[in-house]
Amino acid sequence: MAERSKNYCYFYIAGFKYWDGLFVQSKLKVGQKLRLVPELDNPFDPHAIAIYRKKTKLGFVPRKLNEGLAQLLYFGHGEIFETYVAEVNLDGDPWERVAVSIRVKDAR
């Protein structure tokens, strides 16, 4: 039987310690849904994609992974993705505390 979704990318949240992730890290659970929000006006990266838990900005998709994903989101294809907390390590270095999995939904 086929999987219901396929992994697109897996990464640690970039900038986690600089945004509000540290304030909500104890509430993050593996499998929890997250939201991707393109930041077209980001002065540091035109392909920046912020990651949110509810209204809390956790950080960003790493720059090395964001260009293709940003284009898909910009052109309205965000509904094909599911974004989840994949790993939480509260004792890890701040840049390796929370891993994210972005999966492509199976539309069959």
PDB file of N, CA and C in Angstrom:
ATOM      1  N   MET A   1       0.843  -1.186   0.000  1.00  0.00           N
ATOM      2  CA  MET A   1       0.000   0.000   0.000  1.00  0.00           C
ATOM      3  C   MET A   1       0.884   1.244   0.000  1.00  0.00           C
ATOM      4  N   ALA A   2       0.502   2.250  -0.761  1.00  0.00           N
ATOM      5  CA  ALA A   2       1.274   3.487  -0.881  1.00  0.00           C
ATOM      6  C   ALA A   2       1.131   4.342   0.373  1.00  0.00           C
ATOM      7  N   GLU A   3       2.163   5.135   0.638  1.00  0.00           N
ATOM      8  CA  GLU A   3       2.105   6.091   1.744  1.00  0.00           C
ATOM      9  C   GLU A   3       1.088   7.176   1.419  1.00  0.00           C
ATOM     10  N   ARG A   4       0.514   7.789   2.451  1.00  0.00           N
ATOM     11  CA  ARG A   4      -0.452   8.865   2.234  1.00  0.00           C
ATOM     12  C   ARG A   4       0.238  10.173   1.852  1.00  0.00           C
ATOM     13  N   SER A   5       1.495  10.300   2.185  1.00  0.00           N
ATOM     14  CA  SER A   5       2.259  11.481   1.790  1.00  0.00           C
ATOM     15  C   SER A   5       3.728  11.089   1.673  1.00  0.00           C
ATOM     16  N   LYS A   6       4.489  11.893   0.963  1.00  0.00           N
ATOM     17  CA  LYS A   6       5.902  11.607   0.701  1.00  0.00           C
ATOM     18  C   LYS A   6       6.748  12.749   1.255  1.00  0.00           C
ATOM     19  N   ASN A   7       7.857  12.394   1.909  1.00  0.00           N
ATOM     20  CA  ASN A   7       8.713  13.427   2.474  1.00  0.00           C
ATOM     21  C   ASN A   7       9.314  14.303   1.375  1.00  0.00           C
ATOM     22  N   TYR A   8       9.159  15.614   1.511  1.00  0.00           N
ATOM     23  CA  TYR A   8       9.740  16.585   0.580  1.00  0.00           C
ATOM     24  C   TYR A   8      11.082  17.070   1.125  1.00  0.00           C
ATOM     25  N   CYS A   9      11.092  17.429   2.407  1.00  0.00           N
ATOM     26  CA  CYS A   9      12.351  17.813   3.050  1.00  0.00           C
ATOM     27  C   CYS A   9      12.219  17.704   4.566  1.00  0.00           C
ATOM     28  N   TYR A  10      13.369  17.579   5.206  1.00  0.00           N
ATOM     29  CA  TYR A  10      13.483  17.421   6.652  1.00  0.00           C
ATOM     30  C   TYR A  10      14.639  18.308   7.082  1.00  0.00           C
ATOM     31  N   PHE A  11      14.431  19.129   8.100  1.00  0.00           N
ATOM     32  CA  PHE A  11      15.469  20.089   8.485  1.00  0.00           C
ATOM     33  C   PHE A  11      15.221  20.607   9.893  1.00  0.00           C
ATOM     34  N   TYR A  12      16.251  21.223  10.458  1.00  0.00           N
ATOM     35  CA  TYR A  12      16.103  21.960  11.708  1.00  0.00           C
ATOM     36  C   TYR A  12      15.706  23.391  11.367  1.00  0.00           C
ATOM     37  N   ILE A  13      14.867  23.977  12.211  1.00  0.00           N
ATOM     38  CA  ILE A  13      14.376  25.332  11.969  1.00  0.00           C
ATOM     39  C   ILE A  13      15.528  26.324  12.068  1.00  0.00           C
ATOM     40  N   ALA A  14      15.712  27.100  11.015  1.00  0.00           N
ATOM     41  CA  ALA A  14      16.748  28.144  10.991  1.00  0.00           C
ATOM     42  C   ALA A  14      16.274  29.341  11.814  1.00  0.00           C
ATOM     43  N   GLY A  15      17.174  29.889  12.611  1.00  0.00           N
ATOM     44  CA  GLY A  15      16.852  31.075  13.402  1.00  0.00           C
ATOM     45  C   GLY A  15      15.953  30.811  14.590  1.00  0.00           C
ATOM     46  N   PHE A  16      15.823  29.559  15.000  1.00  0.00           N
ATOM     47  CA  PHE A  16      14.909  29.199  16.085  1.00  0.00           C
ATOM     48  C   PHE A  16      15.161  30.022  17.345  1.00  0.00           C
ATOM     49  N   LYS A  17      16.419  30.235  17.691  1.00  0.00           N
ATOM     50  CA  LYS A  17      16.721  30.952  18.939  1.00  0.00           C
ATOM     51  C   LYS A  17      16.514  32.460  18.819  1.00  0.00           C
ATOM     52  N   TYR A  18      16.343  32.963  17.604  1.00  0.00           N
ATOM     53  CA  TYR A  18      16.189  34.404  17.411  1.00  0.00           C
ATOM     54  C   TYR A  18      14.730  34.845  17.346  1.00  0.00           C
ATOM     55  N   TRP A  19      13.821  33.920  17.173  1.00  0.00           N
ATOM     56  CA  TRP A  19      12.404  34.272  17.103  1.00  0.00           C
ATOM     57  C   TRP A  19      11.734  33.802  18.379  1.00  0.00           C
ATOM     58  N   ASP A  20      10.496  33.374  18.321  1.00  0.00           N
ATOM     59  CA  ASP A  20       9.760  33.037  19.538  1.00  0.00           C
ATOM     60  C   ASP A  20       9.739  31.547  19.856  1.00  0.00           C
ATOM     61  N   GLY A  21      10.515  30.765  19.125  1.00  0.00           N
ATOM     62  CA  GLY A  21      10.533  29.325  19.344  1.00  0.00           C
ATOM     63  C   GLY A  21      10.911  28.928  20.754  1.00  0.00           C
ATOM     64  N   LEU A  22      11.886  29.616  21.327  1.00  0.00           N
ATOM     65  CA  LEU A  22      12.336  29.268  22.676  1.00  0.00           C
ATOM     66  C   LEU A  22      11.233  29.459  23.712  1.00  0.00           C
ATOM     67  N   PHE A  23      10.289  30.383  23.446  1.00  0.00           N
ATOM     68  CA  PHE A  23       9.202  30.646  24.393  1.00  0.00           C
ATOM     69  C   PHE A  23       8.129  29.558  24.368  1.00  0.00           C
ATOM     70  N   VAL A  24       8.006  28.848  23.253  1.00  0.00           N
ATOM     71  CA  VAL A  24       6.957  27.830  23.129  1.00  0.00           C
ATOM     72  C   VAL A  24       7.520  26.425  22.943  1.00  0.00           C
ATOM     73  N   GLN A  25       8.832  26.268  23.045  1.00  0.00           N
ATOM     74  CA  GLN A  25       9.438  24.970  22.739  1.00  0.00           C
ATOM     75  C   GLN A  25       8.875  23.836  23.584  1.00  0.00           C
ATOM     76  N   SER A  26       8.511  24.098  24.824  1.00  0.00           N
ATOM     77  CA  SER A  26       7.972  23.031  25.676  1.00  0.00           C
ATOM     78  C   SER A  26       6.575  22.596  25.235  1.00  0.00           C
ATOM     79  N   LYS A  27       5.910  23.400  24.421  1.00  0.00           N
ATOM     80  CA  LYS A  27       4.575  23.064  23.918  1.00  0.00           C
ATOM     81  C   LYS A  27       4.621  22.337  22.577  1.00  0.00           C
ATOM     82  N   LEU A  28       5.795  22.282  21.962  1.00  0.00           N
ATOM     83  CA  LEU A  28       5.918  21.632  20.659  1.00  0.00           C
ATOM     84  C   LEU A  28       5.969  20.119  20.832  1.00  0.00           C
ATOM     85  N   LYS A  29       5.178  19.424  20.049  1.00  0.00           N
ATOM     86  CA  LYS A  29       5.092  17.966  20.124  1.00  0.00           C
ATOM     87  C   LYS A  29       5.299  17.369  18.738  1.00  0.00           C
ATOM     88  N   VAL A  30       5.954  16.227  18.678  1.00  0.00           N
ATOM     89  CA  VAL A  30       6.147  15.520  17.410  1.00  0.00           C
ATOM     90  C   VAL A  30       4.775  15.245  16.794  1.00  0.00           C
ATOM     91  N   GLY A  31       4.652  15.535  15.518  1.00  0.00           N
ATOM     92  CA  GLY A  31       3.395  15.343  14.796  1.00  0.00           C
ATOM     93  C   GLY A  31       2.512  16.574  14.749  1.00  0.00           C
ATOM     94  N   GLN A  32       2.857  17.607  15.531  1.00  0.00           N
ATOM     95  CA  GLN A  32       2.055  18.829  15.546  1.00  0.00           C
ATOM     96  C   GLN A  32       2.186  19.558  14.215  1.00  0.00           C
ATOM     97  N   LYS A  33       1.045  20.029  13.698  1.00  0.00           N
ATOM     98  CA  LYS A  33       1.054  20.745  12.423  1.00  0.00           C
ATOM     99  C   LYS A  33       1.640  22.143  12.588  1.00  0.00           C
ATOM    100  N   LEU A  34       2.372  22.542  11.568  1.00  0.00           N
ATOM    101  CA  LEU A  34       2.945  23.880  11.493  1.00  0.00           C
ATOM    102  C   LEU A  34       2.479  24.528  10.197  1.00  0.00           C
ATOM    103  N   ARG A  35       2.714  25.830  10.083  1.00  0.00           N
ATOM    104  CA  ARG A  35       2.268  26.581   8.912  1.00  0.00           C
ATOM    105  C   ARG A  35       3.455  27.278   8.268  1.00  0.00           C
ATOM    106  N   LEU A  36       3.511  27.227   6.936  1.00  0.00           N
ATOM    107  CA  LEU A  36       4.559  27.906   6.168  1.00  0.00           C
ATOM    108  C   LEU A  36       4.010  29.212   5.619  1.00  0.00           C
ATOM    109  N   VAL A  37       4.770  30.301   5.803  1.00  0.00           N
ATOM    110  CA  VAL A  37       4.336  31.617   5.332  1.00  0.00           C
ATOM    111  C   VAL A  37       5.486  32.281   4.579  1.00  0.00           C
ATOM    112  N   PRO A  38       5.347  32.435   3.255  1.00  0.00           N
ATOM    113  CA  PRO A  38       6.399  33.124   2.496  1.00  0.00           C
ATOM    114  C   PRO A  38       6.525  34.576   2.959  1.00  0.00           C
ATOM    115  N   GLU A  39       7.753  35.076   3.029  1.00  0.00           N
ATOM    116  CA  GLU A  39       8.006  36.475   3.396  1.00  0.00           C
ATOM    117  C   GLU A  39       8.628  37.172   2.195  1.00  0.00           C
ATOM    118  N   LEU A  40       7.791  37.586   1.284  1.00  0.00           N
ATOM    119  CA  LEU A  40       8.256  38.189   0.036  1.00  0.00           C
ATOM    120  C   LEU A  40       9.020  39.488   0.262  1.00  0.00           C
ATOM    121  N   ASP A  41       8.750  40.159   1.371  1.00  0.00           N
ATOM    122  CA  ASP A  41       9.407  41.438   1.660  1.00  0.00           C
ATOM    123  C   ASP A  41      10.604  41.285   2.601  1.00  0.00           C
ATOM    124  N   ASN A  42      11.058  40.075   2.833  1.00  0.00           N
ATOM    125  CA  ASN A  42      12.191  39.846   3.727  1.00  0.00           C
ATOM    126  C   ASN A  42      13.449  40.482   3.120  1.00  0.00           C
ATOM    127  N   PRO A  43      14.082  41.426   3.833  1.00  0.00           N
ATOM    128  CA  PRO A  43      15.236  42.136   3.268  1.00  0.00           C
ATOM    129  C   PRO A  43      16.509  41.286   3.168  1.00  0.00           C
ATOM    130  N   PHE A  44      16.542  40.140   3.839  1.00  0.00           N
ATOM    131  CA  PHE A  44      17.744  39.304   3.841  1.00  0.00           C
ATOM    132  C   PHE A  44      17.674  38.150   2.854  1.00  0.00           C
ATOM    133  N   ASP A  45      16.459  37.726   2.525  1.00  0.00           N
ATOM    134  CA  ASP A  45      16.295  36.577   1.631  1.00  0.00           C
ATOM    135  C   ASP A  45      14.950  36.684   0.914  1.00  0.00           C
ATOM    136  N   PRO A  46      14.951  36.909  -0.399  1.00  0.00           N
ATOM    137  CA  PRO A  46      13.686  37.045  -1.135  1.00  0.00           C
ATOM    138  C   PRO A  46      12.877  35.747  -1.203  1.00  0.00           C
ATOM    139  N   HIS A  47      13.487  34.630  -0.822  1.00  0.00           N
ATOM    140  CA  HIS A  47      12.794  33.340  -0.840  1.00  0.00           C
ATOM    141  C   HIS A  47      12.468  32.851   0.576  1.00  0.00           C
ATOM    142  N   ALA A  48      12.554  33.737   1.551  1.00  0.00           N
ATOM    143  CA  ALA A  48      12.350  33.356   2.952  1.00  0.00           C
ATOM    144  C   ALA A  48      10.953  32.778   3.173  1.00  0.00           C
ATOM    145  N   ILE A  49      10.912  31.701   3.961  1.00  0.00           N
ATOM    146  CA  ILE A  49       9.646  31.070   4.336  1.00  0.00           C
ATOM    147  C   ILE A  49       9.651  30.916   5.852  1.00  0.00           C
ATOM    148  N   ALA A  50       8.773  31.660   6.517  1.00  0.00           N
ATOM    149  CA  ALA A  50       8.662  31.573   7.971  1.00  0.00           C
ATOM    150  C   ALA A  50       7.855  30.334   8.349  1.00  0.00           C
ATOM    151  N   ILE A  51       8.137  29.821   9.537  1.00  0.00           N
ATOM    152  CA  ILE A  51       7.429  28.660  10.076  1.00  0.00           C
ATOM    153  C   ILE A  51       6.696  29.114  11.331  1.00  0.00           C
ATOM    154  N   TYR A  52       5.388  28.838  11.372  1.00  0.00           N
ATOM    155  CA  TYR A  52       4.555  29.255  12.492  1.00  0.00           C
ATOM    156  C   TYR A  52       3.895  28.066  13.171  1.00  0.00           C
ATOM    157  N   ARG A  53       3.779  28.172  14.488  1.00  0.00           N
ATOM    158  CA  ARG A  53       2.896  27.316  15.289  1.00  0.00           C
ATOM    159  C   ARG A  53       1.801  28.249  15.772  1.00  0.00           C
ATOM    160  N   LYS A  54       0.611  28.052  15.265  1.00  0.00           N
ATOM    161  CA  LYS A  54      -0.500  28.979  15.514  1.00  0.00           C
ATOM    162  C   LYS A  54      -0.043  30.380  15.097  1.00  0.00           C
ATOM    163  N   LYS A  55       0.037  31.335  16.040  1.00  0.00           N
ATOM    164  CA  LYS A  55       0.459  32.702  15.689  1.00  0.00           C
ATOM    165  C   LYS A  55       1.914  32.982  16.059  1.00  0.00           C
ATOM    166  N   THR A  56       2.615  31.970  16.512  1.00  0.00           N
ATOM    167  CA  THR A  56       3.986  32.140  16.981  1.00  0.00           C
ATOM    168  C   THR A  56       4.983  31.794  15.884  1.00  0.00           C
ATOM    169  N   LYS A  57       5.831  32.755  15.555  1.00  0.00           N
ATOM    170  CA  LYS A  57       6.872  32.538  14.550  1.00  0.00           C
ATOM    171  C   LYS A  57       8.032  31.799  15.203  1.00  0.00           C
ATOM    172  N   LEU A  58       8.340  30.611  14.651  1.00  0.00           N
ATOM    173  CA  LEU A  58       9.397  29.774  15.210  1.00  0.00           C
ATOM    174  C   LEU A  58      10.749  30.018  14.561  1.00  0.00           C
ATOM    175  N   GLY A  59      10.751  30.451  13.319  1.00  0.00           N
ATOM    176  CA  GLY A  59      11.982  30.641  12.561  1.00  0.00           C
ATOM    177  C   GLY A  59      11.694  30.453  11.089  1.00  0.00           C
ATOM    178  N   PHE A  60      12.663  29.872  10.355  1.00  0.00           N
ATOM    179  CA  PHE A  60      12.556  29.796   8.898  1.00  0.00           C
ATOM    180  C   PHE A  60      12.977  28.437   8.350  1.00  0.00           C
ATOM    181  N   VAL A  61      12.497  28.147   7.149  1.00  0.00           N
ATOM    182  CA  VAL A  61      13.043  27.051   6.359  1.00  0.00           C
ATOM    183  C   VAL A  61      14.475  27.469   6.025  1.00  0.00           C
ATOM    184  N   PRO A  62      15.466  26.592   6.181  1.00  0.00           N
ATOM    185  CA  PRO A  62      16.848  26.975   5.864  1.00  0.00           C
ATOM    186  C   PRO A  62      16.991  27.483   4.426  1.00  0.00           C
ATOM    187  N   ARG A  63      17.832  28.479   4.258  1.00  0.00           N
ATOM    188  CA  ARG A  63      18.038  29.124   2.963  1.00  0.00           C
ATOM    189  C   ARG A  63      18.385  28.121   1.856  1.00  0.00           C
ATOM    190  N   LYS A  64      19.177  27.108   2.182  1.00  0.00           N
ATOM    191  CA  LYS A  64      19.603  26.154   1.149  1.00  0.00           C
ATOM    192  C   LYS A  64      18.444  25.298   0.626  1.00  0.00           C
ATOM    193  N   LEU A  65      17.297  25.326   1.309  1.00  0.00           N
ATOM    194  CA  LEU A  65      16.140  24.523   0.903  1.00  0.00           C
ATOM    195  C   LEU A  65      14.944  25.349   0.446  1.00  0.00           C
ATOM    196  N   ASN A  66      15.016  26.676   0.545  1.00  0.00           N
ATOM    197  CA  ASN A  66      13.784  27.451   0.416  1.00  0.00           C
ATOM    198  C   ASN A  66      13.404  27.932  -0.987  1.00  0.00           C
ATOM    199  N   GLU A  67      14.324  28.002  -1.929  1.00  0.00           N
ATOM    200  CA  GLU A  67      14.006  28.648  -3.208  1.00  0.00           C
ATOM    201  C   GLU A  67      12.893  27.933  -3.986  1.00  0.00           C
ATOM    202  N   GLY A  68      13.033  26.647  -4.223  1.00  0.00           N
ATOM    203  CA  GLY A  68      12.005  25.915  -4.967  1.00  0.00           C
ATOM    204  C   GLY A  68      10.680  25.885  -4.231  1.00  0.00           C
ATOM    205  N   LEU A  69      10.745  25.675  -2.919  1.00  0.00           N
ATOM    206  CA  LEU A  69       9.539  25.655  -2.101  1.00  0.00           C
ATOM    207  C   LEU A  69       8.845  27.015  -2.127  1.00  0.00           C
ATOM    208  N   ALA A  70       9.623  28.093  -2.046  1.00  0.00           N
ATOM    209  CA  ALA A  70       9.050  29.443  -2.077  1.00  0.00           C
ATOM    210  C   ALA A  70       8.307  29.690  -3.383  1.00  0.00           C
ATOM    211  N   GLN A  71       8.852  29.232  -4.489  1.00  0.00           N
ATOM    212  CA  GLN A  71       8.184  29.411  -5.781  1.00  0.00           C
ATOM    213  C   GLN A  71       6.859  28.658  -5.814  1.00  0.00           C
ATOM    214  N   LEU A  72       6.842  27.439  -5.307  1.00  0.00           N
ATOM    215  CA  LEU A  72       5.594  26.680  -5.273  1.00  0.00           C
ATOM    216  C   LEU A  72       4.551  27.376  -4.398  1.00  0.00           C
ATOM    217  N   LEU A  73       4.964  27.880  -3.246  1.00  0.00           N
ATOM    218  CA  LEU A  73       4.037  28.594  -2.366  1.00  0.00           C
ATOM    219  C   LEU A  73       3.552  29.884  -3.015  1.00  0.00           C
ATOM    220  N   TYR A  74       4.454  30.629  -3.636  1.00  0.00           N
ATOM    221  CA  TYR A  74       4.111  31.897  -4.289  1.00  0.00           C
ATOM    222  C   TYR A  74       3.054  31.688  -5.374  1.00  0.00           C
ATOM    223  N   PHE A  75       3.168  30.602  -6.128  1.00  0.00           N
ATOM    224  CA  PHE A  75       2.231  30.341  -7.217  1.00  0.00           C
ATOM    225  C   PHE A  75       0.987  29.573  -6.757  1.00  0.00           C
ATOM    226  N   GLY A  76       0.773  29.520  -5.445  1.00  0.00           N
ATOM    227  CA  GLY A  76      -0.480  28.991  -4.915  1.00  0.00           C
ATOM    228  C   GLY A  76      -0.563  27.489  -4.743  1.00  0.00           C
ATOM    229  N   HIS A  77       0.566  26.817  -4.679  1.00  0.00           N
ATOM    230  CA  HIS A  77       0.554  25.363  -4.542  1.00  0.00           C
ATOM    231  C   HIS A  77       0.820  24.894  -3.109  1.00  0.00           C
ATOM    232  N   GLY A  78       0.638  25.769  -2.151  1.00  0.00           N
ATOM    233  CA  GLY A  78       0.894  25.420  -0.756  1.00  0.00           C
ATOM    234  C   GLY A  78       0.019  24.306  -0.228  1.00  0.00           C
ATOM    235  N   GLU A  79      -1.160  24.116  -0.826  1.00  0.00           N
ATOM    236  CA  GLU A  79      -2.083  23.087  -0.345  1.00  0.00           C
ATOM    237  C   GLU A  79      -1.565  21.669  -0.588  1.00  0.00           C
ATOM    238  N   ILE A  80      -0.522  21.518  -1.388  1.00  0.00           N
ATOM    239  CA  ILE A  80       0.007  20.167  -1.629  1.00  0.00           C
ATOM    240  C   ILE A  80       0.954  19.715  -0.512  1.00  0.00           C
ATOM    241  N   PHE A  81       1.262  20.613   0.419  1.00  0.00           N
ATOM    242  CA  PHE A  81       2.218  20.291   1.482  1.00  0.00           C
ATOM    243  C   PHE A  81       1.542  20.156   2.840  1.00  0.00           C
ATOM    244  N   GLU A  82       2.115  19.290   3.664  1.00  0.00           N
ATOM    245  CA  GLU A  82       1.769  19.172   5.074  1.00  0.00           C
ATOM    246  C   GLU A  82       3.075  19.383   5.839  1.00  0.00           C
ATOM    247  N   THR A  83       3.037  20.222   6.850  1.00  0.00           N
ATOM    248  CA  THR A  83       4.246  20.555   7.599  1.00  0.00           C
ATOM    249  C   THR A  83       4.047  20.169   9.059  1.00  0.00           C
ATOM    250  N   TYR A  84       5.000  19.402   9.592  1.00  0.00           N
ATOM    251  CA  TYR A  84       4.875  18.867  10.944  1.00  0.00           C
ATOM    252  C   TYR A  84       6.165  19.026  11.737  1.00  0.00           C
ATOM    253  N   VAL A  85       6.012  19.066  13.067  1.00  0.00           N
ATOM    254  CA  VAL A  85       7.158  18.915  13.960  1.00  0.00           C
ATOM    255  C   VAL A  85       7.597  17.454  13.845  1.00  0.00           C
ATOM    256  N   ALA A  86       8.860  17.236  13.513  1.00  0.00           N
ATOM    257  CA  ALA A  86       9.377  15.877  13.338  1.00  0.00           C
ATOM    258  C   ALA A  86      10.219  15.415  14.524  1.00  0.00           C
ATOM    259  N   GLU A  87      10.806  16.368  15.233  1.00  0.00           N
ATOM    260  CA  GLU A  87      11.710  16.021  16.337  1.00  0.00           C
ATOM    261  C   GLU A  87      11.789  17.212  17.274  1.00  0.00           C
ATOM    262  N   VAL A  88      11.793  16.946  18.581  1.00  0.00           N
ATOM    263  CA  VAL A  88      11.982  17.989  19.593  1.00  0.00           C
ATOM    264  C   VAL A  88      13.055  17.501  20.550  1.00  0.00           C
ATOM    265  N   ASN A  89      14.104  18.302  20.725  1.00  0.00           N
ATOM    266  CA  ASN A  89      15.195  17.967  21.635  1.00  0.00           C
ATOM    267  C   ASN A  89      15.494  19.211  22.465  1.00  0.00           C
ATOM    268  N   LEU A  90      14.826  19.335  23.600  1.00  0.00           N
ATOM    269  CA  LEU A  90      14.956  20.537  24.425  1.00  0.00           C
ATOM    270  C   LEU A  90      16.342  20.700  25.026  1.00  0.00           C
ATOM    271  N   ASP A  91      17.129  19.634  25.067  1.00  0.00           N
ATOM    272  CA  ASP A  91      18.479  19.706  25.622  1.00  0.00           C
ATOM    273  C   ASP A  91      19.531  19.972  24.553  1.00  0.00           C
ATOM    274  N   GLY A  92      19.118  20.001  23.298  1.00  0.00           N
ATOM    275  CA  GLY A  92      20.066  20.191  22.202  1.00  0.00           C
ATOM    276  C   GLY A  92      20.482  21.644  22.044  1.00  0.00           C
ATOM    277  N   ASP A  93      21.437  21.852  21.161  1.00  0.00           N
ATOM    278  CA  ASP A  93      21.827  23.217  20.823  1.00  0.00           C
ATOM    279  C   ASP A  93      20.611  23.944  20.261  1.00  0.00           C
ATOM    280  N   PRO A  94      20.503  25.262  20.469  1.00  0.00           N
ATOM    281  CA  PRO A  94      19.314  25.990  20.006  1.00  0.00           C
ATOM    282  C   PRO A  94      19.019  25.812  18.519  1.00  0.00           C
ATOM    283  N   TRP A  95      20.053  25.632  17.703  1.00  0.00           N
ATOM    284  CA  TRP A  95      19.829  25.490  16.264  1.00  0.00           C
ATOM    285  C   TRP A  95      19.448  24.064  15.874  1.00  0.00           C
ATOM    286  N   GLU A  96      19.416  23.147  16.870  1.00  0.00           N
ATOM    287  CA  GLU A  96      19.024  21.761  16.599  1.00  0.00           C
ATOM    288  C   GLU A  96      17.967  21.279  17.591  1.00  0.00           C
ATOM    289  N   ARG A  97      17.129  22.177  18.041  1.00  0.00           N
ATOM    290  CA  ARG A  97      16.102  21.801  19.012  1.00  0.00           C
ATOM    291  C   ARG A  97      14.858  21.230  18.353  1.00  0.00           C
ATOM    292  N   VAL A  98      14.487  21.800  17.204  1.00  0.00           N
ATOM    293  CA  VAL A  98      13.238  21.374  16.566  1.00  0.00           C
ATOM    294  C   VAL A  98      13.484  21.078  15.093  1.00  0.00           C
ATOM    295  N   ALA A  99      13.150  19.849  14.705  1.00  0.00           N
ATOM    296  CA  ALA A  99      13.233  19.456  13.297  1.00  0.00           C
ATOM    297  C   ALA A  99      11.826  19.445  12.712  1.00  0.00           C
ATOM    298  N   VAL A 100      11.757  19.738  11.427  1.00  0.00           N
ATOM    299  CA  VAL A 100      10.490  19.842  10.711  1.00  0.00           C
ATOM    300  C   VAL A 100      10.512  18.894   9.519  1.00  0.00           C
ATOM    301  N   SER A 101       9.370  18.317   9.239  1.00  0.00           N
ATOM    302  CA  SER A 101       9.188  17.512   8.034  1.00  0.00           C
ATOM    303  C   SER A 101       8.117  18.178   7.179  1.00  0.00           C
ATOM    304  N   ILE A 102       8.461  18.447   5.933  1.00  0.00           N
ATOM    305  CA  ILE A 102       7.472  18.932   4.968  1.00  0.00           C
ATOM    306  C   ILE A 102       7.194  17.767   4.038  1.00  0.00           C
ATOM    307  N   ARG A 103       5.934  17.401   3.968  1.00  0.00           N
ATOM    308  CA  ARG A 103       5.539  16.244   3.160  1.00  0.00           C
ATOM    309  C   ARG A 103       4.591  16.686   2.051  1.00  0.00           C
ATOM    310  N   VAL A 104       4.668  15.994   0.918  1.00  0.00           N
ATOM    311  CA  VAL A 104       3.757  16.239  -0.200  1.00  0.00           C
ATOM    312  C   VAL A 104       2.558  15.318  -0.009  1.00  0.00           C
ATOM    313  N   LYS A 105       1.355  15.904  -0.018  1.00  0.00           N
ATOM    314  CA  LYS A 105       0.137  15.109   0.136  1.00  0.00           C
ATOM    315  C   LYS A 105      -0.066  14.204  -1.070  1.00  0.00           C
ATOM    316  N   ASP A 106      -0.582  13.045  -0.798  1.00  0.00           N
ATOM    317  CA  ASP A 106      -0.960  12.112  -1.862  1.00  0.00           C
ATOM    318  C   ASP A 106      -2.391  12.449  -2.267  1.00  0.00           C
ATOM    319  N   ALA A 107      -2.584  12.930  -3.475  1.00  0.00           N
ATOM    320  CA  ALA A 107      -3.901  13.364  -3.942  1.00  0.00           C
ATOM    321  C   ALA A 107      -4.687  12.244  -4.621  1.00  0.00           C
ATOM    322  N   ARG A 108      -4.140  11.044  -4.591  1.00  0.00           N
ATOM    323  CA  ARG A 108      -4.861   9.933  -5.245  1.00  0.00           C
ATOM    324  C   ARG A 108      -6.082   9.529  -4.469  1.00  0.00           C
TER     325      ARG A 108
END
